[in-house]
Structure formats: C-alpha cells, structure tokens
Amino acid sequence: MSEKSFKAMVISENEEGKFLQAIKERPISSLPNGDVLVKVAWSSLNYKDALSAIGNRGVTRTYPHTPGIDASGTVAESTDPDFKPGDEVIVTSYDLGMNTSGGFGQYIRVPADWVVPLPNGLSLKESMVLGTAGFTAGQSVLKLVEGDVKPEDGPVLVTGATGGVGSIAVGILAHIGYSVAAATGKTADTAFLKSLRAAEIIDRKELNDASGRPLLKGRWAGVVDTVGGNYLATALKAANEWAVVASCGNVASHKLDTTVFPFILRGVTLCGISSQNCPMPTRRKIWELLAGPWKQPNLLDIVTEVTLEELSPKISAILEGGLKGRTLVNMS
C-alpha cells in the first residue's frame, strides 16, 4: 500500500508568497503517521477549508498542504482493533485538514480516536452533507434540547440560515417540531429556506440593533447563531426568559458587546459550540441523532456536488459568501 499514489488538492506557496491550488499525485507514504488509513469517498467544503486553501496561517501553519476538515470513506488499513479494512467511517474535526493532510485527498491517515463508525441510517454521502457543518448544527440543537427549550416555548432563531451550519440547523429544528425563524441577508433565497420548512424568513438587518438598549422585547425561545458580532448581541437582548442561545460562528465579528442583563434578568443561557475537540461520547451521540430521529428527509436537496478538479471556483465562492447549502466533493 505504501508504494501507491493518490490524487489530492495541494496548496503550495511560490517564491512571491502567492498560494497556488493544484491537483497532484501524492504517495501514500507521504501521509502523516496514524492508526487508521482511510480511502476517502466523499469530502465537503467548509469556510475553514477555503481559508487553508488561500494560505491563512491561523488555520494551517505549514505548506504544501492538503485541506479538507471533513472526510468519509472506508478503512484501508488499521493498527487499531476497533477498526478493520472495509469499515465505513467518518472523520471530522480535530486537526484534520488544518495541519494534518485532509479530505481533499483520496486517502487520509489519522489517529483511531478521531474516527467515528458510520452510524446506521446514514450513507457515506449523506454523512458529508452533514460533515462538520451538520455536526456543529447538531451540537447547537442539542444544547437547546438539553436546555429544556421546547417547541411550544416559541420560535427559534437561526442566523446565517443559508450557510452550511445554518441551513442544516433550520432543517433539523423544523424536522423535530420547532417553529424556525431563518435570518439571512440573501432575500433571494427565500424559496430555499422555505424548502427547509422555515416558518419565517427575516432580513438580517432586523437583527442588527444599534439602539444601545440593554434589552429588547423578548422574541426568541432559542437561538442558533452562526455569525457572531452585533447579531449575537441583538439575539441575546431579544431572547425570552430562560432562552438558550448557541454561539458557533464569528463571520460578522469575533467581538461581543453586551451586558449581563439578559443573563441576570431573563436567565438566558449562552452556550459556546466547539466542534473541533468535542468529546467522543458526545460526538457519537450527535452522529446517532443525525442518522436517526434528527435525519431530514430532504437532506440531499441542499447539495451541490463537484469533483476535485471543479473545487477551486467553489473555494472562491464560499469566501465571497456566494454559496448556499452544502458543497460535496466526490473523491472517487
């Protein structure tokens, strides 16, 4: 196996400091050490992948590098007794695609404790429709459910609702009975959000309060916020008593200007969502939910499928905010 080569997107830096994307053949022996060698069937495009692909050192320190924080496929070799050749598996998060060669290659080699067995109810392709975005959405929904936010308590707000995390969060919440208010700056995508069964479409301008008031009229029983900044601050101010707000993104800003009043006057809970190093027992629980009671019947409807050779334009598009739903990479 070590003599074999495989196809991968390789990001390299030239003498002028420009980062170039190219599809190259790599020997399997060039992969990092690890317990499990996986033949990748599917990957998916995330914002973090795009940052890695343009040379963002906050994501990837050393180049040449193959991005791809998501991968699903079959075990080719394993030194760990929990996995055997032919097993179907999912690998997301941890260091995959950041500083460890990722899913934009036809093979990955990773530690066994990064690997999740594919749960019953999901295909390898469906698992990558979810990927890190779906897992993050699942973590966020679980925080609301465990925080005792019930469908009858009122609407749940999802910001950045046409993005990967947002669109899956909308779909999961609607599927399990919540009334979802989907916030977006892309009003042309109303039909897309309605197809996910969003009950209400909100222009994100409504969620960017500049009044300076510490509290607004209570509106939301729960929030899944994917954008951060003042949108998160506004959502906190407009949260109902005992609302749960899950924060999982910072595309608008990493800064949060708020007061303690939502927390001490309304009992609002702000939960941080970190998918990268989520403990494995919780990780497996969420994947089982995503494959079972939380699985959306129209999961494949939010997919654009590309080959590795067609990926570069999608990387540019996601950086410009020009993608909706999920972009899957067919690695076969």
C-alpha atoms as a PDB file:
ATOM      1  CA  MET A   1       0.000   0.000   0.000  1.00  0.00           C
ATOM      2  CA  SER A   2       2.858   2.395   0.796  1.00  0.00           C
ATOM      3  CA  GLU A   3       4.004   2.274  -2.843  1.00  0.00           C
ATOM      4  CA  LYS A   4       0.665   3.528  -4.096  1.00  0.00           C
ATOM      5  CA  SER A   5      -0.095   7.118  -5.014  1.00  0.00           C
ATOM      6  CA  PHE A   6      -3.341   9.060  -4.833  1.00  0.00           C
ATOM      7  CA  LYS A   7      -4.850  12.264  -6.148  1.00  0.00           C
ATOM      8  CA  ALA A   8      -5.104  15.319  -3.904  1.00  0.00           C
ATOM      9  CA  MET A   9      -5.500  19.079  -3.960  1.00  0.00           C
ATOM     10  CA  VAL A  10      -2.196  20.504  -2.800  1.00  0.00           C
ATOM     11  CA  ILE A  11      -1.812  24.119  -1.697  1.00  0.00           C
ATOM     12  CA  SER A  12       1.718  25.448  -2.062  1.00  0.00           C
ATOM     13  CA  GLU A  13       3.420  28.810  -1.697  1.00  0.00           C
ATOM     14  CA  ASN A  14       5.571  30.141  -4.547  1.00  0.00           C
ATOM     15  CA  GLU A  15       8.623  32.380  -4.294  1.00  0.00           C
ATOM     16  CA  GLU A  16       6.468  35.514  -4.478  1.00  0.00           C
ATOM     17  CA  GLY A  17       4.432  34.384  -1.476  1.00  0.00           C
ATOM     18  CA  LYS A  18       1.358  33.542  -3.558  1.00  0.00           C
ATOM     19  CA  PHE A  19      -0.597  30.407  -2.652  1.00  0.00           C
ATOM     20  CA  LEU A  20      -1.429  28.085  -5.541  1.00  0.00           C
ATOM     21  CA  GLN A  21      -4.002  25.298  -5.772  1.00  0.00           C
ATOM     22  CA  ALA A  22      -3.138  22.254  -7.857  1.00  0.00           C
ATOM     23  CA  ILE A  23      -4.320  18.667  -8.240  1.00  0.00           C
ATOM     24  CA  LYS A  24      -1.304  16.402  -7.789  1.00  0.00           C
ATOM     25  CA  GLU A  25      -0.363  12.772  -7.286  1.00  0.00           C
ATOM     26  CA  ARG A  26       0.974  12.031  -3.805  1.00  0.00           C
ATOM     27  CA  PRO A  27       2.484   8.799  -2.447  1.00  0.00           C
ATOM     28  CA  ILE A  28       0.570   7.259   0.421  1.00  0.00           C
ATOM     29  CA  SER A  29       3.873   7.112   2.281  1.00  0.00           C
ATOM     30  CA  SER A  30       3.791  10.936   2.427  1.00  0.00           C
ATOM     31  CA  LEU A  31       0.787  10.887   4.765  1.00  0.00           C
ATOM     32  CA  PRO A  32       1.390  11.515   8.479  1.00  0.00           C
ATOM     33  CA  ASN A  33       1.637   8.694  10.972  1.00  0.00           C
ATOM     34  CA  GLY A  34      -1.629   7.349  12.345  1.00  0.00           C
ATOM     35  CA  ASP A  35      -3.549   4.237  13.305  1.00  0.00           C
ATOM     36  CA  VAL A  36      -6.126   4.217  10.503  1.00  0.00           C
ATOM     37  CA  LEU A  37      -5.684   4.684   6.750  1.00  0.00           C
ATOM     38  CA  VAL A  38      -8.980   5.684   5.127  1.00  0.00           C
ATOM     39  CA  LYS A  39      -9.810   5.638   1.427  1.00  0.00           C
ATOM     40  CA  VAL A  40     -11.897   8.804   1.089  1.00  0.00           C
ATOM     41  CA  ALA A  41     -15.158   8.556  -0.836  1.00  0.00           C
ATOM     42  CA  TRP A  42     -16.621  11.994  -0.047  1.00  0.00           C
ATOM     43  CA  SER A  43     -15.497  15.283   1.427  1.00  0.00           C
ATOM     44  CA  SER A  44     -17.206  18.646   1.770  1.00  0.00           C
ATOM     45  CA  LEU A  45     -16.252  22.297   1.518  1.00  0.00           C
ATOM     46  CA  ASN A  46     -16.199  24.443   4.648  1.00  0.00           C
ATOM     47  CA  TYR A  47     -15.146  28.042   5.236  1.00  0.00           C
ATOM     48  CA  LYS A  48     -12.115  26.829   7.170  1.00  0.00           C
ATOM     49  CA  ASP A  49     -11.041  24.750   4.136  1.00  0.00           C
ATOM     50  CA  ALA A  50     -11.182  27.849   1.982  1.00  0.00           C
ATOM     51  CA  LEU A  51      -9.032  29.784   4.444  1.00  0.00           C
ATOM     52  CA  SER A  52      -6.474  26.971   4.411  1.00  0.00           C
ATOM     53  CA  ALA A  53      -6.550  26.971   0.608  1.00  0.00           C
ATOM     54  CA  ILE A  54      -5.585  30.644   0.417  1.00  0.00           C
ATOM     55  CA  GLY A  55      -2.730  30.389   2.902  1.00  0.00           C
ATOM     56  CA  ASN A  56      -4.329  31.516   6.150  1.00  0.00           C
ATOM     57  CA  ARG A  57      -1.673  30.743   8.779  1.00  0.00           C
ATOM     58  CA  GLY A  58      -4.255  30.877  11.537  1.00  0.00           C
ATOM     59  CA  VAL A  59      -5.676  27.663  10.074  1.00  0.00           C
ATOM     60  CA  THR A  60      -2.648  25.971   8.511  1.00  0.00           C
ATOM     61  CA  ARG A  61       0.888  26.691   9.648  1.00  0.00           C
ATOM     62  CA  THR A  62       2.946  24.756   7.116  1.00  0.00           C
ATOM     63  CA  TYR A  63       2.673  24.323   3.355  1.00  0.00           C
ATOM     64  CA  PRO A  64       2.480  22.400   0.999  1.00  0.00           C
ATOM     65  CA  HIS A  65      -0.766  21.124   2.455  1.00  0.00           C
ATOM     66  CA  THR A  66      -3.981  19.296   1.519  1.00  0.00           C
ATOM     67  CA  PRO A  67      -7.097  20.874   3.141  1.00  0.00           C
ATOM     68  CA  GLY A  68     -10.410  19.200   3.924  1.00  0.00           C
ATOM     69  CA  ILE A  69     -11.697  19.092   7.504  1.00  0.00           C
ATOM     70  CA  ASP A  70     -14.342  16.500   6.561  1.00  0.00           C
ATOM     71  CA  ALA A  71     -13.964  13.014   5.106  1.00  0.00           C
ATOM     72  CA  SER A  72     -15.966   9.806   4.864  1.00  0.00           C
ATOM     73  CA  GLY A  73     -14.860   6.544   3.356  1.00  0.00           C
ATOM     74  CA  THR A  74     -13.713   3.010   4.051  1.00  0.00           C
ATOM     75  CA  VAL A  75     -10.847   1.782   6.191  1.00  0.00           C
ATOM     76  CA  ALA A  76      -7.960   0.586   4.025  1.00  0.00           C
ATOM     77  CA  GLU A  77      -5.536  -0.333   6.821  1.00  0.00           C
ATOM     78  CA  SER A  78      -5.722  -0.186  10.612  1.00  0.00           C
ATOM     79  CA  THR A  79      -3.452  -0.997  13.529  1.00  0.00           C
ATOM     80  CA  ASP A  80      -6.331  -0.379  15.957  1.00  0.00           C
ATOM     81  CA  PRO A  81      -8.557  -3.369  16.788  1.00  0.00           C
ATOM     82  CA  ASP A  82     -11.702  -1.213  16.786  1.00  0.00           C
ATOM     83  CA  PHE A  83     -11.411  -0.687  13.026  1.00  0.00           C
ATOM     84  CA  LYS A  84     -10.840  -3.187  10.249  1.00  0.00           C
ATOM     85  CA  PRO A  85     -10.459  -2.886   6.453  1.00  0.00           C
ATOM     86  CA  GLY A  86     -13.784  -2.262   4.780  1.00  0.00           C
ATOM     87  CA  ASP A  87     -15.387  -0.467   7.741  1.00  0.00           C
ATOM     88  CA  GLU A  88     -17.278   2.663   6.717  1.00  0.00           C
ATOM     89  CA  VAL A  89     -16.210   5.645   8.807  1.00  0.00           C
ATOM     90  CA  ILE A  90     -16.453   9.405   9.283  1.00  0.00           C
ATOM     91  CA  VAL A  91     -13.563  11.692  10.207  1.00  0.00           C
ATOM     92  CA  THR A  92     -14.230  15.341  11.028  1.00  0.00           C
ATOM     93  CA  SER A  93     -12.737  17.984  13.302  1.00  0.00           C
ATOM     94  CA  TYR A  94      -9.616  17.599  15.463  1.00  0.00           C
ATOM     95  CA  ASP A  95      -6.651  18.624  13.271  1.00  0.00           C
ATOM     96  CA  LEU A  96      -7.863  17.043  10.012  1.00  0.00           C
ATOM     97  CA  GLY A  97      -7.368  19.402   7.089  1.00  0.00           C
ATOM     98  CA  MET A  98      -5.752  22.046   9.255  1.00  0.00           C
ATOM     99  CA  ASN A  99      -2.199  20.823   9.820  1.00  0.00           C
ATOM    100  CA  THR A 100      -2.932  17.158   9.103  1.00  0.00           C
ATOM    101  CA  SER A 101      -3.448  16.188   5.456  1.00  0.00           C
ATOM    102  CA  GLY A 102      -7.189  16.335   4.881  1.00  0.00           C
ATOM    103  CA  GLY A 103     -10.168  15.124   2.924  1.00  0.00           C
ATOM    104  CA  PHE A 104      -9.314  16.852  -0.350  1.00  0.00           C
ATOM    105  CA  GLY A 105      -7.092  13.833  -0.930  1.00  0.00           C
ATOM    106  CA  GLN A 106      -8.215  10.325  -1.849  1.00  0.00           C
ATOM    107  CA  TYR A 107      -6.531   8.937   1.292  1.00  0.00           C
ATOM    108  CA  ILE A 108      -6.066  10.195   4.847  1.00  0.00           C
ATOM    109  CA  ARG A 109      -4.192   8.646   7.766  1.00  0.00           C
ATOM    110  CA  VAL A 110      -5.342   9.637  11.249  1.00  0.00           C
ATOM    111  CA  PRO A 111      -5.334   8.545  14.925  1.00  0.00           C
ATOM    112  CA  ALA A 112      -8.022   6.000  15.768  1.00  0.00           C
ATOM    113  CA  ASP A 113      -9.590   8.317  18.330  1.00  0.00           C
ATOM    114  CA  TRP A 114     -10.537  10.729  15.531  1.00  0.00           C
ATOM    115  CA  VAL A 115     -12.592   8.092  13.731  1.00  0.00           C
ATOM    116  CA  VAL A 116     -16.365   7.608  14.092  1.00  0.00           C
ATOM    117  CA  PRO A 117     -18.045   4.465  12.736  1.00  0.00           C
ATOM    118  CA  LEU A 118     -20.691   5.404  10.162  1.00  0.00           C
ATOM    119  CA  PRO A 119     -23.978   5.157  12.088  1.00  0.00           C
ATOM    120  CA  ASN A 120     -26.870   3.100  10.779  1.00  0.00           C
ATOM    121  CA  GLY A 121     -29.235   5.280   8.783  1.00  0.00           C
ATOM    122  CA  LEU A 122     -26.594   7.373   7.021  1.00  0.00           C
ATOM    123  CA  SER A 123     -24.756   6.730   3.767  1.00  0.00           C
ATOM    124  CA  LEU A 124     -21.189   7.937   3.308  1.00  0.00           C
ATOM    125  CA  LYS A 125     -22.514  10.669   1.021  1.00  0.00           C
ATOM    126  CA  GLU A 126     -25.190  11.780   3.479  1.00  0.00           C
ATOM    127  CA  SER A 127     -22.606  11.942   6.262  1.00  0.00           C
ATOM    128  CA  MET A 128     -20.703  14.549   4.244  1.00  0.00           C
ATOM    129  CA  VAL A 129     -23.844  16.543   3.501  1.00  0.00           C
ATOM    130  CA  LEU A 130     -23.687  16.951   7.256  1.00  0.00           C
ATOM    131  CA  GLY A 131     -19.935  16.946   7.913  1.00  0.00           C
ATOM    132  CA  THR A 132     -18.525  19.487  10.353  1.00  0.00           C
ATOM    133  CA  ALA A 133     -21.328  21.911   9.458  1.00  0.00           C
ATOM    134  CA  GLY A 134     -24.035  19.383  10.271  1.00  0.00           C
ATOM    135  CA  PHE A 135     -22.234  18.194  13.354  1.00  0.00           C
ATOM    136  CA  THR A 136     -21.933  21.804  14.573  1.00  0.00           C
ATOM    137  CA  ALA A 137     -25.627  22.346  13.855  1.00  0.00           C
ATOM    138  CA  GLY A 138     -26.365  19.133  15.766  1.00  0.00           C
ATOM    139  CA  GLN A 139     -24.303  20.286  18.744  1.00  0.00           C
ATOM    140  CA  SER A 140     -26.203  23.565  18.753  1.00  0.00           C
ATOM    141  CA  VAL A 141     -29.615  21.896  18.598  1.00  0.00           C
ATOM    142  CA  LEU A 142     -28.593  19.502  21.381  1.00  0.00           C
ATOM    143  CA  LYS A 143     -27.768  22.477  23.622  1.00  0.00           C
ATOM    144  CA  LEU A 144     -31.276  23.830  23.080  1.00  0.00           C
ATOM    145  CA  VAL A 145     -32.902  20.444  23.710  1.00  0.00           C
ATOM    146  CA  GLU A 146     -30.812  19.759  26.814  1.00  0.00           C
ATOM    147  CA  GLY A 147     -31.535  23.309  27.979  1.00  0.00           C
ATOM    148  CA  ASP A 148     -35.241  22.408  28.023  1.00  0.00           C
ATOM    149  CA  VAL A 149     -36.234  24.655  25.117  1.00  0.00           C
ATOM    150  CA  LYS A 150     -39.446  23.048  23.843  1.00  0.00           C
ATOM    151  CA  PRO A 151     -41.276  23.710  20.551  1.00  0.00           C
ATOM    152  CA  GLU A 152     -44.237  25.173  22.426  1.00  0.00           C
ATOM    153  CA  ASP A 153     -41.992  27.771  24.095  1.00  0.00           C
ATOM    154  CA  GLY A 154     -41.850  29.905  20.966  1.00  0.00           C
ATOM    155  CA  PRO A 155     -39.816  30.432  17.789  1.00  0.00           C
ATOM    156  CA  VAL A 156     -36.138  29.585  17.474  1.00  0.00           C
ATOM    157  CA  LEU A 157     -33.925  31.989  15.538  1.00  0.00           C
ATOM    158  CA  VAL A 158     -31.198  30.737  13.208  1.00  0.00           C
ATOM    159  CA  THR A 159     -28.782  33.352  11.851  1.00  0.00           C
ATOM    160  CA  GLY A 160     -26.764  32.858   8.671  1.00  0.00           C
ATOM    161  CA  ALA A 161     -29.517  30.483   7.676  1.00  0.00           C
ATOM    162  CA  THR A 162     -28.444  29.858   4.072  1.00  0.00           C
ATOM    163  CA  GLY A 163     -24.938  28.765   5.074  1.00  0.00           C
ATOM    164  CA  GLY A 164     -23.820  25.223   5.779  1.00  0.00           C
ATOM    165  CA  VAL A 165     -24.378  25.236   9.556  1.00  0.00           C
ATOM    166  CA  GLY A 166     -27.426  27.491   9.388  1.00  0.00           C
ATOM    167  CA  SER A 167     -29.291  25.593   6.699  1.00  0.00           C
ATOM    168  CA  ILE A 168     -28.821  22.252   8.450  1.00  0.00           C
ATOM    169  CA  ALA A 169     -29.852  23.776  11.799  1.00  0.00           C
ATOM    170  CA  VAL A 170     -33.025  25.115  10.185  1.00  0.00           C
ATOM    171  CA  GLY A 171     -33.768  21.689   8.730  1.00  0.00           C
ATOM    172  CA  ILE A 172     -33.150  19.764  11.958  1.00  0.00           C
ATOM    173  CA  LEU A 173     -35.156  22.151  14.127  1.00  0.00           C
ATOM    174  CA  ALA A 174     -38.121  22.193  11.734  1.00  0.00           C
ATOM    175  CA  HIS A 175     -37.991  18.405  11.402  1.00  0.00           C
ATOM    176  CA  ILE A 176     -38.244  17.868  15.160  1.00  0.00           C
ATOM    177  CA  GLY A 177     -41.114  20.290  15.598  1.00  0.00           C
ATOM    178  CA  TYR A 178     -39.754  23.769  16.257  1.00  0.00           C
ATOM    179  CA  SER A 179     -41.007  26.931  14.575  1.00  0.00           C
ATOM    180  CA  VAL A 180     -37.890  28.369  12.955  1.00  0.00           C
ATOM    181  CA  ALA A 181     -37.194  31.990  12.077  1.00  0.00           C
ATOM    182  CA  ALA A 182     -34.438  31.925   9.462  1.00  0.00           C
ATOM    183  CA  ALA A 183     -32.356  35.102   9.214  1.00  0.00           C
ATOM    184  CA  THR A 184     -30.398  35.882   6.077  1.00  0.00           C
ATOM    185  CA  GLY A 185     -29.079  38.760   4.038  1.00  0.00           C
ATOM    186  CA  LYS A 186     -29.919  36.819   0.873  1.00  0.00           C
ATOM    187  CA  THR A 187     -33.612  37.540   0.432  1.00  0.00           C
ATOM    188  CA  ALA A 188     -33.491  35.874  -2.993  1.00  0.00           C
ATOM    189  CA  ASP A 189     -33.066  32.549  -1.180  1.00  0.00           C
ATOM    190  CA  THR A 190     -36.489  32.639   0.458  1.00  0.00           C
ATOM    191  CA  ALA A 191     -37.637  29.608  -1.558  1.00  0.00           C
ATOM    192  CA  PHE A 192     -34.584  27.642  -0.425  1.00  0.00           C
ATOM    193  CA  LEU A 193     -35.297  28.382   3.239  1.00  0.00           C
ATOM    194  CA  LYS A 194     -38.982  27.590   2.807  1.00  0.00           C
ATOM    195  CA  SER A 195     -37.964  24.230   1.342  1.00  0.00           C
ATOM    196  CA  LEU A 196     -36.219  23.570   4.659  1.00  0.00           C
ATOM    197  CA  ARG A 197     -39.563  24.350   6.345  1.00  0.00           C
ATOM    198  CA  ALA A 198     -38.555  27.642   7.931  1.00  0.00           C
ATOM    199  CA  ALA A 199     -41.722  29.203   9.358  1.00  0.00           C
ATOM    200  CA  GLU A 200     -40.465  32.777   8.938  1.00  0.00           C
ATOM    201  CA  ILE A 201     -37.769  34.469   6.856  1.00  0.00           C
ATOM    202  CA  ILE A 202     -36.158  37.541   8.443  1.00  0.00           C
ATOM    203  CA  ASP A 203     -33.877  40.080   6.826  1.00  0.00           C
ATOM    204  CA  ARG A 204     -30.713  40.121   8.912  1.00  0.00           C
ATOM    205  CA  LYS A 205     -30.896  43.925   9.096  1.00  0.00           C
ATOM    206  CA  GLU A 206     -33.668  43.451  11.669  1.00  0.00           C
ATOM    207  CA  LEU A 207     -31.174  41.653  13.895  1.00  0.00           C
ATOM    208  CA  ASN A 208     -28.515  44.354  13.972  1.00  0.00           C
ATOM    209  CA  ASP A 209     -29.814  46.576  16.748  1.00  0.00           C
ATOM    210  CA  ALA A 210     -27.926  49.847  17.213  1.00  0.00           C
ATOM    211  CA  SER A 211     -30.232  51.426  19.816  1.00  0.00           C
ATOM    212  CA  GLY A 212     -27.839  50.910  22.710  1.00  0.00           C
ATOM    213  CA  ARG A 213     -30.649  49.462  24.828  1.00  0.00           C
ATOM    214  CA  PRO A 214     -29.513  46.615  27.079  1.00  0.00           C
ATOM    215  CA  LEU A 215     -32.701  44.603  26.469  1.00  0.00           C
ATOM    216  CA  LEU A 216     -35.277  44.360  23.705  1.00  0.00           C
ATOM    217  CA  LYS A 217     -38.730  42.826  23.701  1.00  0.00           C
ATOM    218  CA  GLY A 218     -38.405  39.082  24.200  1.00  0.00           C
ATOM    219  CA  ARG A 219     -38.824  37.245  20.922  1.00  0.00           C
ATOM    220  CA  TRP A 220     -36.823  34.003  20.840  1.00  0.00           C
ATOM    221  CA  ALA A 221     -37.121  30.818  22.884  1.00  0.00           C
ATOM    222  CA  GLY A 222     -33.790  29.716  21.467  1.00  0.00           C
ATOM    223  CA  VAL A 223     -31.117  30.864  19.050  1.00  0.00           C
ATOM    224  CA  VAL A 224     -28.542  29.159  16.866  1.00  0.00           C
ATOM    225  CA  ASP A 225     -26.145  31.958  15.939  1.00  0.00           C
ATOM    226  CA  THR A 226     -23.588  31.274  13.218  1.00  0.00           C
ATOM    227  CA  VAL A 227     -22.362  34.830  12.607  1.00  0.00           C
ATOM    228  CA  GLY A 228     -21.432  36.483  15.927  1.00  0.00           C
ATOM    229  CA  GLY A 229     -20.802  40.166  16.487  1.00  0.00           C
ATOM    230  CA  ASN A 230     -23.736  42.503  16.943  1.00  0.00           C
ATOM    231  CA  TYR A 231     -26.134  39.904  15.541  1.00  0.00           C
ATOM    232  CA  LEU A 232     -25.373  37.703  18.526  1.00  0.00           C
ATOM    233  CA  ALA A 233     -25.615  40.677  20.882  1.00  0.00           C
ATOM    234  CA  THR A 234     -29.013  41.597  19.416  1.00  0.00           C
ATOM    235  CA  ALA A 235     -30.250  37.999  19.697  1.00  0.00           C
ATOM    236  CA  LEU A 236     -29.268  37.934  23.371  1.00  0.00           C
ATOM    237  CA  LYS A 237     -31.148  41.166  24.039  1.00  0.00           C
ATOM    238  CA  ALA A 238     -34.267  39.784  22.317  1.00  0.00           C
ATOM    239  CA  ALA A 239     -34.174  36.342  23.932  1.00  0.00           C
ATOM    240  CA  ASN A 240     -37.120  35.263  26.075  1.00  0.00           C
ATOM    241  CA  GLU A 241     -36.828  34.262  29.712  1.00  0.00           C
ATOM    242  CA  TRP A 242     -34.851  31.011  30.085  1.00  0.00           C
ATOM    243  CA  ALA A 243     -33.895  31.014  26.416  1.00  0.00           C
ATOM    244  CA  VAL A 244     -30.820  29.102  25.288  1.00  0.00           C
ATOM    245  CA  VAL A 245     -28.503  30.775  22.766  1.00  0.00           C
ATOM    246  CA  ALA A 246     -25.896  28.629  21.000  1.00  0.00           C
ATOM    247  CA  SER A 247     -22.941  30.537  19.523  1.00  0.00           C
ATOM    248  CA  CYS A 248     -20.945  28.734  16.832  1.00  0.00           C
ATOM    249  CA  GLY A 249     -19.551  31.346  14.420  1.00  0.00           C
ATOM    250  CA  ASN A 250     -17.878  34.710  14.057  1.00  0.00           C
ATOM    251  CA  VAL A 251     -18.100  35.647  10.380  1.00  0.00           C
ATOM    252  CA  ALA A 252     -19.578  39.060  11.315  1.00  0.00           C
ATOM    253  CA  SER A 253     -17.147  39.670  14.183  1.00  0.00           C
ATOM    254  CA  HIS A 254     -15.371  37.876  16.993  1.00  0.00           C
ATOM    255  CA  LYS A 255     -16.253  40.705  19.380  1.00  0.00           C
ATOM    256  CA  LEU A 256     -19.345  40.663  21.590  1.00  0.00           C
ATOM    257  CA  ASP A 257     -20.635  43.903  23.078  1.00  0.00           C
ATOM    258  CA  THR A 258     -23.370  43.086  25.565  1.00  0.00           C
ATOM    259  CA  THR A 259     -24.430  43.473  29.181  1.00  0.00           C
ATOM    260  CA  VAL A 260     -25.216  40.999  31.942  1.00  0.00           C
ATOM    261  CA  PHE A 261     -28.934  41.878  31.827  1.00  0.00           C
ATOM    262  CA  PRO A 262     -30.081  39.057  29.503  1.00  0.00           C
ATOM    263  CA  PHE A 263     -28.423  36.623  31.894  1.00  0.00           C
ATOM    264  CA  ILE A 264     -29.414  38.025  35.295  1.00  0.00           C
ATOM    265  CA  LEU A 265     -32.856  39.419  34.433  1.00  0.00           C
ATOM    266  CA  ARG A 266     -34.121  36.801  31.975  1.00  0.00           C
ATOM    267  CA  GLY A 267     -31.996  33.799  32.874  1.00  0.00           C
ATOM    268  CA  VAL A 268     -30.696  33.452  29.322  1.00  0.00           C
ATOM    269  CA  THR A 269     -28.016  30.805  28.784  1.00  0.00           C
ATOM    270  CA  LEU A 270     -25.239  31.464  26.259  1.00  0.00           C
ATOM    271  CA  CYS A 271     -23.584  28.231  25.109  1.00  0.00           C
ATOM    272  CA  GLY A 272     -20.353  28.099  23.178  1.00  0.00           C
ATOM    273  CA  ILE A 273     -20.146  25.443  20.455  1.00  0.00           C
ATOM    274  CA  SER A 274     -16.736  23.969  19.653  1.00  0.00           C
ATOM    275  CA  SER A 275     -16.940  21.029  17.273  1.00  0.00           C
ATOM    276  CA  GLN A 276     -13.204  20.583  16.848  1.00  0.00           C
ATOM    277  CA  ASN A 277     -12.467  18.791  20.119  1.00  0.00           C
ATOM    278  CA  CYS A 278     -15.918  17.632  21.178  1.00  0.00           C
ATOM    279  CA  PRO A 279     -15.521  14.548  23.423  1.00  0.00           C
ATOM    280  CA  MET A 280     -16.014  11.281  21.549  1.00  0.00           C
ATOM    281  CA  PRO A 281     -19.019  10.027  23.593  1.00  0.00           C
ATOM    282  CA  THR A 282     -20.905  13.250  22.810  1.00  0.00           C
ATOM    283  CA  ARG A 283     -19.660  13.143  19.221  1.00  0.00           C
ATOM    284  CA  ARG A 284     -21.048   9.648  18.713  1.00  0.00           C
ATOM    285  CA  LYS A 285     -24.337  10.605  20.380  1.00  0.00           C
ATOM    286  CA  ILE A 286     -24.806  13.532  17.995  1.00  0.00           C
ATOM    287  CA  TRP A 287     -23.977  11.418  14.934  1.00  0.00           C
ATOM    288  CA  GLU A 288     -26.540   8.824  16.062  1.00  0.00           C
ATOM    289  CA  LEU A 289     -29.160  11.566  16.400  1.00  0.00           C
ATOM    290  CA  LEU A 290     -28.271  12.972  12.976  1.00  0.00           C
ATOM    291  CA  ALA A 291     -28.631   9.494  11.467  1.00  0.00           C
ATOM    292  CA  GLY A 292     -31.835   8.700  13.339  1.00  0.00           C
ATOM    293  CA  PRO A 293     -34.548  10.948  14.809  1.00  0.00           C
ATOM    294  CA  TRP A 294     -32.962  14.166  13.555  1.00  0.00           C
ATOM    295  CA  LYS A 295     -32.348  12.975   9.984  1.00  0.00           C
ATOM    296  CA  GLN A 296     -34.059  15.248   7.479  1.00  0.00           C
ATOM    297  CA  PRO A 297     -35.930  13.518   4.663  1.00  0.00           C
ATOM    298  CA  ASN A 298     -34.710  16.122   2.160  1.00  0.00           C
ATOM    299  CA  LEU A 299     -31.065  16.029   3.241  1.00  0.00           C
ATOM    300  CA  LEU A 300     -29.682  15.680  -0.296  1.00  0.00           C
ATOM    301  CA  ASP A 301     -31.736  18.640  -1.543  1.00  0.00           C
ATOM    302  CA  ILE A 302     -29.245  21.147  -0.126  1.00  0.00           C
ATOM    303  CA  VAL A 303     -26.270  19.679  -2.017  1.00  0.00           C
ATOM    304  CA  THR A 304     -24.082  20.849  -4.871  1.00  0.00           C
ATOM    305  CA  GLU A 305     -21.727  18.060  -5.954  1.00  0.00           C
ATOM    306  CA  VAL A 306     -18.316  18.704  -7.545  1.00  0.00           C
ATOM    307  CA  THR A 307     -15.188  16.767  -8.406  1.00  0.00           C
ATOM    308  CA  LEU A 308     -11.769  17.624  -7.029  1.00  0.00           C
ATOM    309  CA  GLU A 309     -10.943  19.346 -10.337  1.00  0.00           C
ATOM    310  CA  GLU A 310     -14.063  21.527 -10.025  1.00  0.00           C
ATOM    311  CA  LEU A 311     -13.388  22.610  -6.460  1.00  0.00           C
ATOM    312  CA  SER A 312     -11.307  25.798  -6.868  1.00  0.00           C
ATOM    313  CA  PRO A 313     -14.179  28.056  -8.067  1.00  0.00           C
ATOM    314  CA  LYS A 314     -16.271  26.892  -5.105  1.00  0.00           C
ATOM    315  CA  ILE A 315     -13.455  27.850  -2.738  1.00  0.00           C
ATOM    316  CA  SER A 316     -13.556  31.381  -4.154  1.00  0.00           C
ATOM    317  CA  ALA A 317     -17.347  31.449  -3.910  1.00  0.00           C
ATOM    318  CA  ILE A 318     -17.521  30.425  -0.252  1.00  0.00           C
ATOM    319  CA  LEU A 319     -15.010  33.142   0.665  1.00  0.00           C
ATOM    320  CA  GLU A 320     -17.275  35.673  -1.052  1.00  0.00           C
ATOM    321  CA  GLY A 321     -20.404  34.400   0.686  1.00  0.00           C
ATOM    322  CA  GLY A 322     -21.729  33.099  -2.623  1.00  0.00           C
ATOM    323  CA  LEU A 323     -22.655  29.534  -1.660  1.00  0.00           C
ATOM    324  CA  LYS A 324     -25.826  28.173  -0.135  1.00  0.00           C
ATOM    325  CA  GLY A 325     -26.378  24.776   1.379  1.00  0.00           C
ATOM    326  CA  ARG A 326     -23.563  22.245   1.168  1.00  0.00           C
ATOM    327  CA  THR A 327     -20.881  21.622  -1.456  1.00  0.00           C
ATOM    328  CA  LEU A 328     -19.798  17.982  -1.622  1.00  0.00           C
ATOM    329  CA  VAL A 329     -16.576  16.723  -3.187  1.00  0.00           C
ATOM    330  CA  ASN A 330     -16.860  13.340  -4.890  1.00  0.00           C
ATOM    331  CA  MET A 331     -13.421  11.866  -4.282  1.00  0.00           C
ATOM    332  CA  SER A 332     -13.981   8.734  -6.360  1.00  0.00           C
END
